[in-house]
Amino acid sequence: CVLNVDETGIYYDSPPRYAWVAKNETPAIKECEKHSTSVTAVLAVRQNGTKLPIMFNVKACPGGTIENTELDDYPEGHLYAVQRNGWMDRKTWDIYLRRVLQPHVSEDSVILLDGFDAHKTPASRSFIETELQSKIALHPSNSTQVCQPLDVGVMGPFKQKLRRLWLEEQVDASLDPALDDDELTPAEKRLKTIERAIAAWESISEETVRKSFKKAIPVPDVLEVSI
């Protein structure tokens, strides 16, 4: 089995990229300022179309208030961790290997990864080869846009769904002032961001995942063998 793992930043404010307006008029949808990435999502897919649970890395101080008071309230079925910059590091990658990949990876699998430093450490390779009985395959530099399944066919629909869900929330808020997000606390926004990401991830079909692998790693239907 072949798997692909990648990390992407997600934002509470996720407006559409484009908006139609009459000439000389301003967009009806305000240009939202993107907050610094406070949450990232580690996504993984199998060649057969299966999606693995998401690992969310929340930008926070390890051992601090967010870790001690928020993580237990996040939706079940996914993994949560805190990291000072909100992005994967060696410690959180090790957690991901043990808590997400190990329960979902069968022997003799190939795990496709980008060139992130934590992926290439001897400890990472050793765990994948000995504990998972699998192999690691690193994409060449600057190649993920054309040969990484997640980038080729999954991230686009995932981000599009995030923007659509955000827009639906804004429309609902325009009809019901009680749903206005101006009064939400940072903790409530983090939770909403995570819930939205889970909904977007669940919307990705197995067929979409399978097609992404076929596009990124094309395999001919017939192999010609010269004798």
C-alpha atoms as a PDB file:
ATOM      1  CA  CYS A   1       0.000   0.000   0.000  1.00  0.00           C
ATOM      2  CA  VAL A   2       1.186   3.534  -0.748  1.00  0.00           C
ATOM      3  CA  LEU A   3       0.396   6.419   1.607  1.00  0.00           C
ATOM      4  CA  ASN A   4       1.003  10.150   1.373  1.00  0.00           C
ATOM      5  CA  VAL A   5       1.314  12.502   4.349  1.00  0.00           C
ATOM      6  CA  ASP A   6       1.487  16.302   4.254  1.00  0.00           C
ATOM      7  CA  GLU A   7       0.799  19.291   6.502  1.00  0.00           C
ATOM      8  CA  THR A   8      -1.122  22.437   5.633  1.00  0.00           C
ATOM      9  CA  GLY A   9      -2.035  25.623   7.466  1.00  0.00           C
ATOM     10  CA  ILE A  10      -5.709  26.374   8.104  1.00  0.00           C
ATOM     11  CA  TYR A  11      -7.275  29.674   9.111  1.00  0.00           C
ATOM     12  CA  TYR A  12     -10.398  30.779  10.905  1.00  0.00           C
ATOM     13  CA  ASP A  13     -10.989  33.401   8.203  1.00  0.00           C
ATOM     14  CA  SER A  14     -11.157  31.578   4.857  1.00  0.00           C
ATOM     15  CA  PRO A  15     -12.828  33.914   2.348  1.00  0.00           C
ATOM     16  CA  PRO A  16     -13.241  32.969  -1.328  1.00  0.00           C
ATOM     17  CA  ARG A  17     -10.347  33.913  -3.563  1.00  0.00           C
ATOM     18  CA  TYR A  18     -12.564  35.853  -5.962  1.00  0.00           C
ATOM     19  CA  ALA A  19     -15.818  37.826  -5.777  1.00  0.00           C
ATOM     20  CA  TRP A  20     -17.973  39.278  -8.565  1.00  0.00           C
ATOM     21  CA  VAL A  21     -18.751  42.991  -8.171  1.00  0.00           C
ATOM     22  CA  ALA A  22     -20.002  45.769 -10.413  1.00  0.00           C
ATOM     23  CA  LYS A  23     -17.381  48.115 -11.815  1.00  0.00           C
ATOM     24  CA  ASN A  24     -16.173  50.725  -9.304  1.00  0.00           C
ATOM     25  CA  GLU A  25     -17.923  48.960  -6.426  1.00  0.00           C
ATOM     26  CA  THR A  26     -16.254  47.279  -3.480  1.00  0.00           C
ATOM     27  CA  PRO A  27     -16.723  43.556  -2.819  1.00  0.00           C
ATOM     28  CA  ALA A  28     -19.676  42.588  -0.667  1.00  0.00           C
ATOM     29  CA  ILE A  29     -17.403  40.137   1.088  1.00  0.00           C
ATOM     30  CA  LYS A  30     -14.840  42.050   3.063  1.00  0.00           C
ATOM     31  CA  GLU A  31     -11.175  41.262   2.600  1.00  0.00           C
ATOM     32  CA  CYS A  32     -10.453  39.387   5.787  1.00  0.00           C
ATOM     33  CA  GLU A  33      -7.036  39.684   7.264  1.00  0.00           C
ATOM     34  CA  LYS A  34      -5.466  36.257   7.493  1.00  0.00           C
ATOM     35  CA  HIS A  35      -4.347  35.673  11.020  1.00  0.00           C
ATOM     36  CA  SER A  36      -0.957  34.086  11.477  1.00  0.00           C
ATOM     37  CA  THR A  37      -1.391  30.362  11.170  1.00  0.00           C
ATOM     38  CA  SER A  38      -2.581  29.185  14.566  1.00  0.00           C
ATOM     39  CA  VAL A  39      -3.565  25.669  13.508  1.00  0.00           C
ATOM     40  CA  THR A  40      -2.113  23.239  11.001  1.00  0.00           C
ATOM     41  CA  ALA A  41      -3.609  19.978   9.802  1.00  0.00           C
ATOM     42  CA  VAL A  42      -1.547  16.889   9.012  1.00  0.00           C
ATOM     43  CA  LEU A  43      -3.430  14.956   6.349  1.00  0.00           C
ATOM     44  CA  ALA A  44      -2.768  11.421   5.152  1.00  0.00           C
ATOM     45  CA  VAL A  45      -4.338   9.299   2.432  1.00  0.00           C
ATOM     46  CA  ARG A  46      -3.960   5.771   1.112  1.00  0.00           C
ATOM     47  CA  GLN A  47      -3.790   4.775  -2.525  1.00  0.00           C
ATOM     48  CA  ASN A  48      -7.028   2.794  -2.106  1.00  0.00           C
ATOM     49  CA  GLY A  49      -8.893   6.017  -1.250  1.00  0.00           C
ATOM     50  CA  THR A  50      -8.829   5.796   2.544  1.00  0.00           C
ATOM     51  CA  LYS A  51      -8.367   9.001   4.548  1.00  0.00           C
ATOM     52  CA  LEU A  52      -6.572   8.774   7.904  1.00  0.00           C
ATOM     53  CA  PRO A  53      -7.506  10.817  10.995  1.00  0.00           C
ATOM     54  CA  ILE A  54      -6.181  14.374  11.033  1.00  0.00           C
ATOM     55  CA  MET A  55      -3.498  15.516  13.436  1.00  0.00           C
ATOM     56  CA  PHE A  56      -4.007  19.167  14.386  1.00  0.00           C
ATOM     57  CA  ASN A  57      -1.038  21.183  15.625  1.00  0.00           C
ATOM     58  CA  VAL A  58      -2.221  24.206  17.596  1.00  0.00           C
ATOM     59  CA  LYS A  59       0.078  27.189  18.013  1.00  0.00           C
ATOM     60  CA  ALA A  60       0.564  27.359  21.775  1.00  0.00           C
ATOM     61  CA  CYS A  61       3.057  26.864  24.568  1.00  0.00           C
ATOM     62  CA  PRO A  62       3.486  23.171  25.474  1.00  0.00           C
ATOM     63  CA  GLY A  63       2.149  22.594  28.961  1.00  0.00           C
ATOM     64  CA  GLY A  64       0.221  25.860  28.885  1.00  0.00           C
ATOM     65  CA  THR A  65      -3.432  26.811  29.159  1.00  0.00           C
ATOM     66  CA  ILE A  66      -4.488  25.704  25.683  1.00  0.00           C
ATOM     67  CA  GLU A  67      -2.975  22.249  26.073  1.00  0.00           C
ATOM     68  CA  ASN A  68      -4.414  21.799  29.558  1.00  0.00           C
ATOM     69  CA  THR A  69      -7.903  23.222  29.029  1.00  0.00           C
ATOM     70  CA  GLU A  70      -8.848  23.019  25.333  1.00  0.00           C
ATOM     71  CA  LEU A  71      -7.549  19.843  23.716  1.00  0.00           C
ATOM     72  CA  ASP A  72      -9.898  17.514  25.597  1.00  0.00           C
ATOM     73  CA  ASP A  73     -12.888  19.471  24.275  1.00  0.00           C
ATOM     74  CA  TYR A  74     -11.961  19.034  20.614  1.00  0.00           C
ATOM     75  CA  PRO A  75     -13.906  16.500  18.486  1.00  0.00           C
ATOM     76  CA  GLU A  76     -13.079  12.839  18.997  1.00  0.00           C
ATOM     77  CA  GLY A  77     -11.562  10.668  16.299  1.00  0.00           C
ATOM     78  CA  HIS A  78      -8.604  12.925  15.541  1.00  0.00           C
ATOM     79  CA  LEU A  79      -5.296  13.772  17.212  1.00  0.00           C
ATOM     80  CA  TYR A  80      -4.363  17.118  18.779  1.00  0.00           C
ATOM     81  CA  ALA A  81      -1.040  18.575  19.902  1.00  0.00           C
ATOM     82  CA  VAL A  82       0.431  21.980  20.677  1.00  0.00           C
ATOM     83  CA  GLN A  83       3.620  23.420  19.237  1.00  0.00           C
ATOM     84  CA  ARG A  84       5.137  26.865  19.725  1.00  0.00           C
ATOM     85  CA  ASN A  85       4.972  27.735  16.021  1.00  0.00           C
ATOM     86  CA  GLY A  86       1.908  25.667  15.218  1.00  0.00           C
ATOM     87  CA  TRP A  87       3.818  23.477  12.774  1.00  0.00           C
ATOM     88  CA  MET A  88       5.149  19.947  12.934  1.00  0.00           C
ATOM     89  CA  ASP A  89       8.529  19.426  14.575  1.00  0.00           C
ATOM     90  CA  ARG A  90      10.469  16.288  15.458  1.00  0.00           C
ATOM     91  CA  LYS A  91       8.525  15.752  18.663  1.00  0.00           C
ATOM     92  CA  THR A  92       5.086  16.075  17.075  1.00  0.00           C
ATOM     93  CA  TRP A  93       6.184  13.995  14.072  1.00  0.00           C
ATOM     94  CA  ASP A  94       7.155  11.213  16.473  1.00  0.00           C
ATOM     95  CA  ILE A  95       3.717  11.484  18.095  1.00  0.00           C
ATOM     96  CA  TYR A  96       2.106  11.300  14.661  1.00  0.00           C
ATOM     97  CA  LEU A  97       4.088   8.200  13.716  1.00  0.00           C
ATOM     98  CA  ARG A  98       2.987   6.368  16.851  1.00  0.00           C
ATOM     99  CA  ARG A  99      -0.570   7.622  17.253  1.00  0.00           C
ATOM    100  CA  VAL A 100      -1.805   7.938  13.674  1.00  0.00           C
ATOM    101  CA  LEU A 101       0.394   6.033  11.236  1.00  0.00           C
ATOM    102  CA  GLN A 102       1.199   2.974  13.325  1.00  0.00           C
ATOM    103  CA  PRO A 103      -2.457   1.917  13.827  1.00  0.00           C
ATOM    104  CA  HIS A 104      -3.290   2.485  10.148  1.00  0.00           C
ATOM    105  CA  VAL A 105      -0.240   1.280   8.217  1.00  0.00           C
ATOM    106  CA  SER A 106       0.073  -2.305   7.062  1.00  0.00           C
ATOM    107  CA  GLU A 107       3.418  -4.017   6.551  1.00  0.00           C
ATOM    108  CA  ASP A 108       5.331  -3.432   3.315  1.00  0.00           C
ATOM    109  CA  SER A 109       3.743  -0.037   2.763  1.00  0.00           C
ATOM    110  CA  VAL A 110       5.500   2.910   1.144  1.00  0.00           C
ATOM    111  CA  ILE A 111       5.060   6.293   2.832  1.00  0.00           C
ATOM    112  CA  LEU A 112       5.506   9.300   0.534  1.00  0.00           C
ATOM    113  CA  LEU A 113       6.818  12.399   2.313  1.00  0.00           C
ATOM    114  CA  ASP A 114       8.280  15.772   1.446  1.00  0.00           C
ATOM    115  CA  GLY A 115      11.784  16.822   2.442  1.00  0.00           C
ATOM    116  CA  PHE A 116      10.879  18.207   5.888  1.00  0.00           C
ATOM    117  CA  ASP A 117      13.855  17.679   8.222  1.00  0.00           C
ATOM    118  CA  ALA A 118      11.961  15.578  10.773  1.00  0.00           C
ATOM    119  CA  HIS A 119      10.986  13.091   8.055  1.00  0.00           C
ATOM    120  CA  LYS A 120      14.633  12.383   7.241  1.00  0.00           C
ATOM    121  CA  THR A 121      16.068  11.741  10.688  1.00  0.00           C
ATOM    122  CA  PRO A 122      17.573   8.334  11.490  1.00  0.00           C
ATOM    123  CA  ALA A 123      14.944   7.935  14.220  1.00  0.00           C
ATOM    124  CA  SER A 124      12.104   8.525  11.745  1.00  0.00           C
ATOM    125  CA  ARG A 125      13.522   6.118   9.181  1.00  0.00           C
ATOM    126  CA  SER A 126      14.223   3.512  11.831  1.00  0.00           C
ATOM    127  CA  PHE A 127      10.691   3.660  13.242  1.00  0.00           C
ATOM    128  CA  ILE A 128       9.094   3.355   9.810  1.00  0.00           C
ATOM    129  CA  GLU A 129      11.357   0.491   8.774  1.00  0.00           C
ATOM    130  CA  THR A 130      11.366  -1.494  12.023  1.00  0.00           C
ATOM    131  CA  GLU A 131       8.084  -0.715  13.784  1.00  0.00           C
ATOM    132  CA  LEU A 132       5.916  -0.209  10.705  1.00  0.00           C
ATOM    133  CA  GLN A 133       7.831  -2.677   8.525  1.00  0.00           C
ATOM    134  CA  SER A 134       7.520  -0.159   5.709  1.00  0.00           C
ATOM    135  CA  LYS A 135       9.617   2.119   3.534  1.00  0.00           C
ATOM    136  CA  ILE A 136       9.937   5.882   3.359  1.00  0.00           C
ATOM    137  CA  ALA A 137      10.089   7.643  -0.015  1.00  0.00           C
ATOM    138  CA  LEU A 138      11.022  11.329  -0.089  1.00  0.00           C
ATOM    139  CA  HIS A 139       9.878  13.544  -2.930  1.00  0.00           C
ATOM    140  CA  PRO A 140      12.671  15.393  -4.774  1.00  0.00           C
ATOM    141  CA  SER A 141      12.964  19.088  -3.954  1.00  0.00           C
ATOM    142  CA  ASN A 142      10.344  21.340  -5.579  1.00  0.00           C
ATOM    143  CA  SER A 143       8.405  18.388  -6.984  1.00  0.00           C
ATOM    144  CA  THR A 144       5.417  18.001  -4.670  1.00  0.00           C
ATOM    145  CA  GLN A 145       3.111  20.071  -6.889  1.00  0.00           C
ATOM    146  CA  VAL A 146       3.377  17.458  -9.628  1.00  0.00           C
ATOM    147  CA  CYS A 147       4.080  14.141  -7.909  1.00  0.00           C
ATOM    148  CA  GLN A 148       2.566  14.318  -4.419  1.00  0.00           C
ATOM    149  CA  PRO A 149      -1.001  12.938  -4.452  1.00  0.00           C
ATOM    150  CA  LEU A 150      -2.263  15.294  -1.737  1.00  0.00           C
ATOM    151  CA  ASP A 151      -1.003  18.351  -3.613  1.00  0.00           C
ATOM    152  CA  VAL A 152      -2.104  17.073  -7.009  1.00  0.00           C
ATOM    153  CA  GLY A 153      -5.711  16.251  -6.265  1.00  0.00           C
ATOM    154  CA  VAL A 154      -6.773  16.548  -2.620  1.00  0.00           C
ATOM    155  CA  MET A 155      -5.562  19.818  -1.108  1.00  0.00           C
ATOM    156  CA  GLY A 156      -7.429  21.873  -3.714  1.00  0.00           C
ATOM    157  CA  PRO A 157     -10.873  20.379  -3.009  1.00  0.00           C
ATOM    158  CA  PHE A 158     -10.126  20.413   0.735  1.00  0.00           C
ATOM    159  CA  LYS A 159      -9.297  24.138   0.761  1.00  0.00           C
ATOM    160  CA  GLN A 160     -12.227  24.885  -1.545  1.00  0.00           C
ATOM    161  CA  LYS A 161     -14.586  23.171   0.879  1.00  0.00           C
ATOM    162  CA  LEU A 162     -13.095  25.149   3.782  1.00  0.00           C
ATOM    163  CA  ARG A 163     -13.817  28.398   1.953  1.00  0.00           C
ATOM    164  CA  ARG A 164     -17.350  27.278   1.113  1.00  0.00           C
ATOM    165  CA  LEU A 165     -18.082  26.384   4.734  1.00  0.00           C
ATOM    166  CA  TRP A 166     -16.707  29.751   5.890  1.00  0.00           C
ATOM    167  CA  LEU A 167     -18.907  31.560   3.356  1.00  0.00           C
ATOM    168  CA  GLU A 168     -21.996  29.642   4.490  1.00  0.00           C
ATOM    169  CA  GLU A 169     -21.286  30.728   8.057  1.00  0.00           C
ATOM    170  CA  GLN A 170     -21.002  34.360   6.953  1.00  0.00           C
ATOM    171  CA  VAL A 171     -24.311  34.165   5.083  1.00  0.00           C
ATOM    172  CA  ASP A 172     -26.007  32.645   8.126  1.00  0.00           C
ATOM    173  CA  ALA A 173     -24.550  35.400  10.319  1.00  0.00           C
ATOM    174  CA  SER A 174     -25.860  38.088   7.962  1.00  0.00           C
ATOM    175  CA  LEU A 175     -29.366  36.675   8.426  1.00  0.00           C
ATOM    176  CA  ASP A 176     -29.079  36.101  12.166  1.00  0.00           C
ATOM    177  CA  PRO A 177     -27.013  38.614  14.192  1.00  0.00           C
ATOM    178  CA  ALA A 178     -26.747  36.054  16.995  1.00  0.00           C
ATOM    179  CA  LEU A 179     -24.394  34.065  14.751  1.00  0.00           C
ATOM    180  CA  ASP A 180     -21.997  36.971  14.183  1.00  0.00           C
ATOM    181  CA  ASP A 181     -18.454  35.804  14.900  1.00  0.00           C
ATOM    182  CA  ASP A 182     -17.152  39.177  16.111  1.00  0.00           C
ATOM    183  CA  GLU A 183     -17.764  38.153  19.706  1.00  0.00           C
ATOM    184  CA  LEU A 184     -16.117  34.729  19.490  1.00  0.00           C
ATOM    185  CA  THR A 185     -13.158  34.139  21.783  1.00  0.00           C
ATOM    186  CA  PRO A 186      -9.839  32.847  20.386  1.00  0.00           C
ATOM    187  CA  ALA A 187     -10.636  29.441  21.908  1.00  0.00           C
ATOM    188  CA  GLU A 188     -14.017  29.357  20.156  1.00  0.00           C
ATOM    189  CA  LYS A 189     -12.391  30.316  16.858  1.00  0.00           C
ATOM    190  CA  ARG A 190      -9.817  27.546  17.200  1.00  0.00           C
ATOM    191  CA  LEU A 191     -12.584  25.031  17.838  1.00  0.00           C
ATOM    192  CA  LYS A 192     -14.609  26.313  14.889  1.00  0.00           C
ATOM    193  CA  THR A 193     -11.530  26.125  12.649  1.00  0.00           C
ATOM    194  CA  ILE A 194     -10.964  22.498  13.646  1.00  0.00           C
ATOM    195  CA  GLU A 195     -14.629  21.537  13.231  1.00  0.00           C
ATOM    196  CA  ARG A 196     -14.680  23.128   9.796  1.00  0.00           C
ATOM    197  CA  ALA A 197     -11.524  21.245   8.768  1.00  0.00           C
ATOM    198  CA  ILE A 198     -12.996  17.930   9.906  1.00  0.00           C
ATOM    199  CA  ALA A 199     -16.167  18.581   7.899  1.00  0.00           C
ATOM    200  CA  ALA A 200     -14.112  19.487   4.830  1.00  0.00           C
ATOM    201  CA  TRP A 201     -11.975  16.354   5.223  1.00  0.00           C
ATOM    202  CA  GLU A 202     -15.049  14.146   5.531  1.00  0.00           C
ATOM    203  CA  SER A 203     -16.390  15.627   2.286  1.00  0.00           C
ATOM    204  CA  ILE A 204     -13.411  14.351   0.274  1.00  0.00           C
ATOM    205  CA  SER A 205     -14.498  11.163  -1.481  1.00  0.00           C
ATOM    206  CA  GLU A 206     -12.473   7.983  -1.834  1.00  0.00           C
ATOM    207  CA  GLU A 207     -12.666   8.393  -5.605  1.00  0.00           C
ATOM    208  CA  THR A 208     -11.045  11.836  -5.337  1.00  0.00           C
ATOM    209  CA  VAL A 209      -8.188  10.319  -3.348  1.00  0.00           C
ATOM    210  CA  ARG A 210      -7.715   7.423  -5.768  1.00  0.00           C
ATOM    211  CA  LYS A 211      -7.651   9.789  -8.748  1.00  0.00           C
ATOM    212  CA  SER A 212      -5.005  11.935  -7.046  1.00  0.00           C
ATOM    213  CA  PHE A 213      -2.680   8.929  -6.805  1.00  0.00           C
ATOM    214  CA  LYS A 214      -3.281   7.976 -10.435  1.00  0.00           C
ATOM    215  CA  LYS A 215      -2.474  11.509 -11.550  1.00  0.00           C
ATOM    216  CA  ALA A 216       0.614  11.898  -9.362  1.00  0.00           C
ATOM    217  CA  ILE A 217       1.950   8.375  -9.863  1.00  0.00           C
ATOM    218  CA  PRO A 218       0.708   7.216 -13.265  1.00  0.00           C
ATOM    219  CA  VAL A 219       0.970   3.496 -13.918  1.00  0.00           C
ATOM    220  CA  PRO A 220       0.523   2.199 -17.484  1.00  0.00           C
ATOM    221  CA  ASP A 221      -2.284  -0.281 -18.002  1.00  0.00           C
ATOM    222  CA  VAL A 222       0.002  -2.566 -19.973  1.00  0.00           C
ATOM    223  CA  LEU A 223       3.698  -3.042 -19.384  1.00  0.00           C
ATOM    224  CA  GLU A 224       5.748  -3.928 -22.432  1.00  0.00           C
ATOM    225  CA  VAL A 225       8.557  -6.322 -21.650  1.00  0.00           C
ATOM    226  CA  SER A 226      11.377  -6.840 -24.110  1.00  0.00           C
ATOM    227  CA  ILE A 227      12.850 -10.321 -24.163  1.00  0.00           C
END
